[in-house]
Protein backbone atom coordinates (compact mmCIF):
# COMPACT_ATOMS: atom_id res chain seq x y z
CA MET A 1 31.62 4.14 -15.79
CA ASN A 2 32.87 4.11 -12.71
CA ARG A 3 30.55 3.50 -10.68
CA ILE A 4 27.32 1.70 -11.45
CA LEU A 5 24.22 3.36 -10.24
CA ILE A 6 20.92 1.90 -8.93
CA GLN A 7 17.93 3.63 -8.10
CA GLN A 8 16.24 2.67 -4.88
CA HIS A 9 13.08 0.72 -6.79
CA GLU A 10 14.91 -1.28 -9.09
CA LEU A 11 16.63 -3.53 -5.38
CA ASP A 12 14.02 -6.78 -4.13
CA ASP A 13 13.75 -7.06 -0.39
CA HIS A 14 17.37 -9.48 -0.20
CA ASN A 15 19.16 -6.31 -1.98
CA MET A 16 19.55 -8.21 -5.19
CA VAL A 17 19.07 -6.03 -9.06
CA VAL A 18 18.71 -7.11 -12.05
CA ILE A 19 20.74 -4.38 -15.03
CA ASN A 20 19.92 -5.21 -18.96
CA ASP A 21 20.01 -1.57 -20.13
CA TYR A 22 23.61 -0.03 -20.92
CA ARG A 23 25.23 -0.40 -17.21
CA ALA A 24 24.84 -3.92 -18.80
CA LYS A 25 26.26 -3.66 -21.70
CA HIS A 26 29.41 -1.64 -19.76
CA ILE A 27 29.34 -4.45 -17.13
CA ILE A 28 29.15 -7.18 -19.76
CA ASN A 29 31.70 -5.33 -22.74
CA VAL A 30 34.10 -3.26 -20.63
CA LEU A 31 34.31 -4.94 -17.32
CA ASN A 32 33.94 -8.18 -18.15
CA PRO A 33 33.51 -10.01 -14.57
CA LYS A 34 33.39 -13.17 -13.25
CA ILE A 35 30.57 -14.39 -11.06
CA GLY A 36 31.66 -13.58 -7.60
CA GLU A 37 33.57 -10.34 -8.79
CA LYS A 38 32.96 -7.50 -6.75
CA LEU A 39 31.80 -3.91 -8.51
CA LYS A 40 31.86 -0.77 -7.04
CA ILE A 41 27.97 0.50 -7.29
CA GLY A 42 26.09 3.50 -5.46
CA ILE A 43 22.18 4.53 -4.38
CA LEU A 44 21.71 7.21 -6.93
CA ASN A 45 21.51 10.15 -4.42
CA GLY A 46 22.24 7.40 -1.56
CA ASN A 47 25.17 5.13 -0.31
CA SER A 48 27.96 3.85 -2.18
CA GLY A 49 28.84 0.20 -2.01
CA ILE A 50 30.28 -2.87 -3.28
CA GLY A 51 27.94 -5.67 -5.89
CA THR A 52 28.62 -8.86 -6.72
CA VAL A 53 28.18 -10.42 -9.60
CA LYS A 54 25.80 -13.30 -8.81
CA ALA A 55 24.53 -14.20 -12.42
CA ILE A 56 25.69 -12.98 -16.43
CA SER A 57 24.61 -13.20 -19.47
CA ASN A 58 24.82 -11.92 -23.11
CA VAL A 59 22.10 -9.11 -22.13
CA GLU A 60 21.64 -9.42 -18.04
CA VAL A 61 23.99 -8.81 -14.55
CA ASN A 62 22.75 -10.36 -11.30
CA LEU A 63 23.95 -8.56 -8.40
CA HIS A 64 23.87 -8.72 -4.58
CA CYS A 65 24.35 -5.13 -3.22
CA GLU A 66 25.61 -4.11 0.17
CA PHE A 67 25.70 -0.70 0.73
CA ASP A 68 28.06 2.03 2.76
CA GLU A 69 26.37 3.44 6.49
CA GLN A 70 27.06 7.12 5.48
CA THR A 71 26.24 8.67 2.56
CA MET A 72 28.63 10.25 0.41
CA GLN A 73 29.69 13.89 0.53
CA GLN A 74 28.34 16.61 -1.62
CA SER A 75 30.13 19.38 -3.32
CA CYS A 76 30.21 22.82 -1.56
CA THR A 77 30.74 25.15 -4.81
CA SER A 78 27.70 25.52 -6.95
CA LEU A 79 28.02 27.39 -10.08
CA LEU A 80 25.90 30.27 -11.74
CA LEU A 81 26.34 29.82 -15.74
CA ALA A 82 25.14 32.13 -18.31
CA LEU A 83 23.19 29.01 -20.58
CA PRO A 84 25.68 28.20 -23.55
CA ARG A 85 24.55 26.97 -26.75
CA PRO A 86 22.67 23.78 -26.35
CA LYS A 87 25.19 21.34 -28.02
CA ILE A 88 28.26 22.88 -25.20
CA LEU A 89 25.62 22.55 -22.96
CA LYS A 90 25.46 18.72 -23.65
CA ARG A 91 28.75 18.44 -23.79
CA ILE A 92 29.73 20.43 -20.27
CA ILE A 93 27.16 19.22 -17.61
CA PRO A 94 28.51 15.51 -17.72
CA GLN A 95 31.54 17.23 -16.84
CA ILE A 96 30.43 19.86 -14.10
CA VAL A 97 28.92 16.94 -12.68
CA ALA A 98 32.35 14.62 -13.02
CA LEU A 99 34.15 17.57 -10.95
CA GLY A 100 31.98 18.06 -8.52
CA VAL A 101 29.01 21.22 -7.80
CA GLU A 102 26.23 21.35 -5.40
CA GLU A 103 23.91 23.08 -8.02
CA ILE A 104 24.21 24.11 -11.39
CA ILE A 105 22.46 27.64 -11.83
CA LEU A 106 21.29 28.18 -15.49
CA THR A 107 21.22 31.92 -16.43
CA ASN A 108 20.42 34.42 -18.88
CA ALA A 109 22.37 37.22 -19.71
CA GLU A 110 22.81 40.02 -22.03
CA LYS A 111 24.92 37.60 -24.71
CA VAL A 112 22.70 34.62 -24.32
CA GLU A 113 20.87 34.14 -27.39
CA LYS A 114 16.79 33.77 -26.03
CA ASN A 115 16.16 30.76 -28.22
CA TYR A 116 18.72 28.58 -25.84
CA PHE A 117 16.12 28.22 -23.96
CA ALA A 118 13.86 25.92 -26.15
CA THR A 119 16.46 23.16 -26.09
CA HIS A 120 15.39 19.37 -24.83
CA TRP A 121 18.28 19.40 -22.49
CA LEU A 122 17.00 21.83 -20.00
CA LYS A 123 14.05 18.98 -20.03
CA ASP A 124 14.24 17.14 -16.31
CA GLU A 125 14.55 14.02 -18.01
CA ASN A 126 17.11 14.63 -20.80
CA TYR A 127 19.69 16.91 -18.21
CA ASN A 128 19.39 14.11 -15.49
CA LYS A 129 20.73 12.03 -18.07
CA LEU A 130 23.48 14.06 -18.42
CA ILE A 131 23.95 14.42 -14.50
CA ILE A 132 24.35 10.77 -14.39
CA ASN A 133 26.69 10.44 -16.78
CA GLY A 134 29.11 12.56 -14.70
CA LEU A 135 28.04 10.44 -11.60
CA GLU A 136 29.10 7.38 -13.00
CA GLN A 137 32.07 8.98 -14.35
CA SER A 138 33.58 10.45 -11.03
CA GLY A 139 32.12 7.57 -9.21
CA ASP A 140 29.34 9.88 -7.12
CA THR A 141 26.39 9.71 -6.06
CA MET A 142 24.48 12.59 -5.32
CA MET A 143 22.80 14.47 -7.93
CA PRO A 144 23.45 18.63 -7.90
CA LYS A 145 20.45 20.44 -8.44
CA ILE A 146 19.46 22.24 -11.45
CA ARG A 147 17.98 26.18 -11.23
CA ILE A 148 17.08 27.47 -14.81
CA VAL A 149 16.91 31.60 -14.46
CA LYS A 150 15.89 33.32 -17.30
CA ARG A 151 15.46 36.46 -15.25
CA LEU A 152 18.95 37.30 -14.32
CA LYS A 153 18.58 41.11 -12.31
CA PRO A 154 15.90 40.05 -10.38
CA PHE A 155 17.60 36.71 -8.81
CA ILE A 156 20.70 38.56 -8.27
CA GLU A 157 18.86 41.33 -6.64
CA ASP A 158 16.22 39.59 -4.84
CA LYS A 159 16.80 35.78 -4.40
CA LEU A 160 20.62 35.72 -4.34
CA GLN A 161 21.43 36.32 -0.86
CA GLU A 162 18.87 34.66 0.89
CA ILE A 163 19.90 31.85 -0.70
CA TYR A 164 23.46 31.72 -0.78
CA HIS A 165 24.22 34.78 2.37
CA GLU A 166 27.36 31.86 3.49
CA HIS A 167 28.45 31.35 0.27
CA ASN A 168 32.11 33.14 -1.22
CA LEU A 169 30.65 35.00 -4.42
CA LEU A 170 33.31 34.13 -7.23
CA LEU A 171 33.41 36.17 -10.53
CA ALA A 172 35.17 34.49 -13.60
CA HIS A 173 36.20 38.30 -14.82
CA PRO A 174 39.80 38.26 -17.30
CA TYR A 175 40.16 41.85 -17.08
CA ASN A 176 41.35 42.28 -13.53
CA GLU A 177 44.42 40.92 -11.61
CA ASN A 178 42.89 38.98 -8.84
CA LYS A 179 44.00 35.54 -8.39
CA LEU A 180 41.63 33.03 -7.63
CA SER A 181 43.86 31.39 -4.66
CA ASP A 182 43.70 35.10 -3.40
CA ILE A 183 39.86 35.68 -2.98
CA CYS A 184 38.67 31.93 -2.54
CA THR A 185 38.23 31.99 1.12
CA SER A 186 35.39 29.86 2.54
CA LYS A 187 34.09 26.29 1.90
CA LYS A 188 30.76 27.08 0.34
CA LYS A 189 31.55 28.74 -3.20
CA LEU A 190 28.82 30.34 -5.93
CA LEU A 191 31.14 30.76 -8.97
CA ALA A 192 29.72 33.01 -12.07
CA ILE A 193 30.78 32.19 -15.17
CA GLY A 194 29.28 34.02 -18.64
CA PRO A 195 28.42 33.71 -21.91
CA GLU A 196 31.28 33.47 -24.89
CA GLY A 197 30.96 36.89 -25.16
CA GLY A 198 31.69 37.51 -21.53
CA TRP A 199 29.39 39.62 -18.55
CA SER A 200 27.93 43.20 -20.01
CA ASP A 201 29.67 46.15 -17.90
CA PHE A 202 26.18 45.93 -16.61
CA GLU A 203 26.48 42.78 -15.28
CA ILE A 204 30.20 43.04 -14.23
CA ASP A 205 28.76 46.41 -12.12
CA MET A 206 25.42 44.31 -10.19
CA PHE A 207 27.58 41.08 -9.62
CA GLN A 208 30.15 42.84 -8.16
CA HIS A 209 27.26 45.80 -6.28
CA THR A 210 26.40 42.50 -4.53
CA GLY A 211 29.34 41.07 -3.64
CA PHE A 212 31.27 38.87 -6.13
CA LYS A 213 34.71 39.22 -6.20
CA PRO A 214 36.20 39.06 -9.50
CA PHE A 215 39.20 37.05 -10.44
CA THR A 216 41.13 36.56 -13.64
CA LEU A 217 42.79 33.15 -14.39
CA GLY A 218 45.54 35.05 -16.37
CA GLN A 219 46.73 36.70 -19.70
CA ARG A 220 44.34 34.39 -22.03
CA ILE A 221 40.96 34.61 -22.96
CA LEU A 222 39.50 31.20 -22.84
CA ARG A 223 35.77 29.92 -23.88
CA SER A 224 33.09 29.62 -21.37
CA ASP A 225 33.38 26.08 -21.15
CA THR A 226 37.19 25.81 -20.71
CA ALA A 227 37.03 28.40 -17.94
CA VAL A 228 34.22 26.37 -16.18
CA ILE A 229 36.39 23.09 -16.16
CA ALA A 230 39.87 24.63 -15.46
CA THR A 231 37.97 27.06 -12.72
CA LEU A 232 36.16 24.01 -10.98
CA ALA A 233 39.41 21.51 -10.95
CA MET A 234 40.64 25.09 -9.44
CA ILE A 235 38.49 25.22 -6.30
CA ASN A 236 37.70 21.47 -5.68
CA ASN A 237 41.50 20.91 -5.50
CA LYS A 238 42.36 23.67 -3.23
């Protein structure tokens, strides 16, 4: 945990916060600060800042909070990801958030099993915990949006251009020769990564007809979760 995230309602009128949950355990057992020591903090979906330790016990930490004037800048990358298996989804969302995305679109595809959409990890209260975990790791404060799309074709054909008309549309597809560095040309990006079995031929044609440019990460065929991490790392460090 590289930034302690606080929700606005936790602050009192004097910008004091009392922390006594998992964050307190991390501060006490891992950071082990002394009275007067300063910790990196942030308001969830707001400004970053510094928290000064005013009191600490075995179970509770009191911080006085001071925040920067400007909010943190959010990533300009959105990710359209074919919904993975629930245990993969749980593992990968914090990593995606840590690398930096503006939005995560979890979509159906021909090779996505329909029962994946029944997972409890698609409930707001559960995936929000995973998002916060990724923010705490990276030191960010801005939560990406989550969009769940159960019908890919209508979304691509009817809504995508309206929502993402300013984005560079990028399609991860190993069987072509385009390098990511050659086609990643604009600040705003929408990256599409398929399921374990890959996008179907119909889906690939649909993406390309809509304006997506295919690219490869090389000759090795990667698992979808590996491809997500590798591609986001390349895009966000471009």
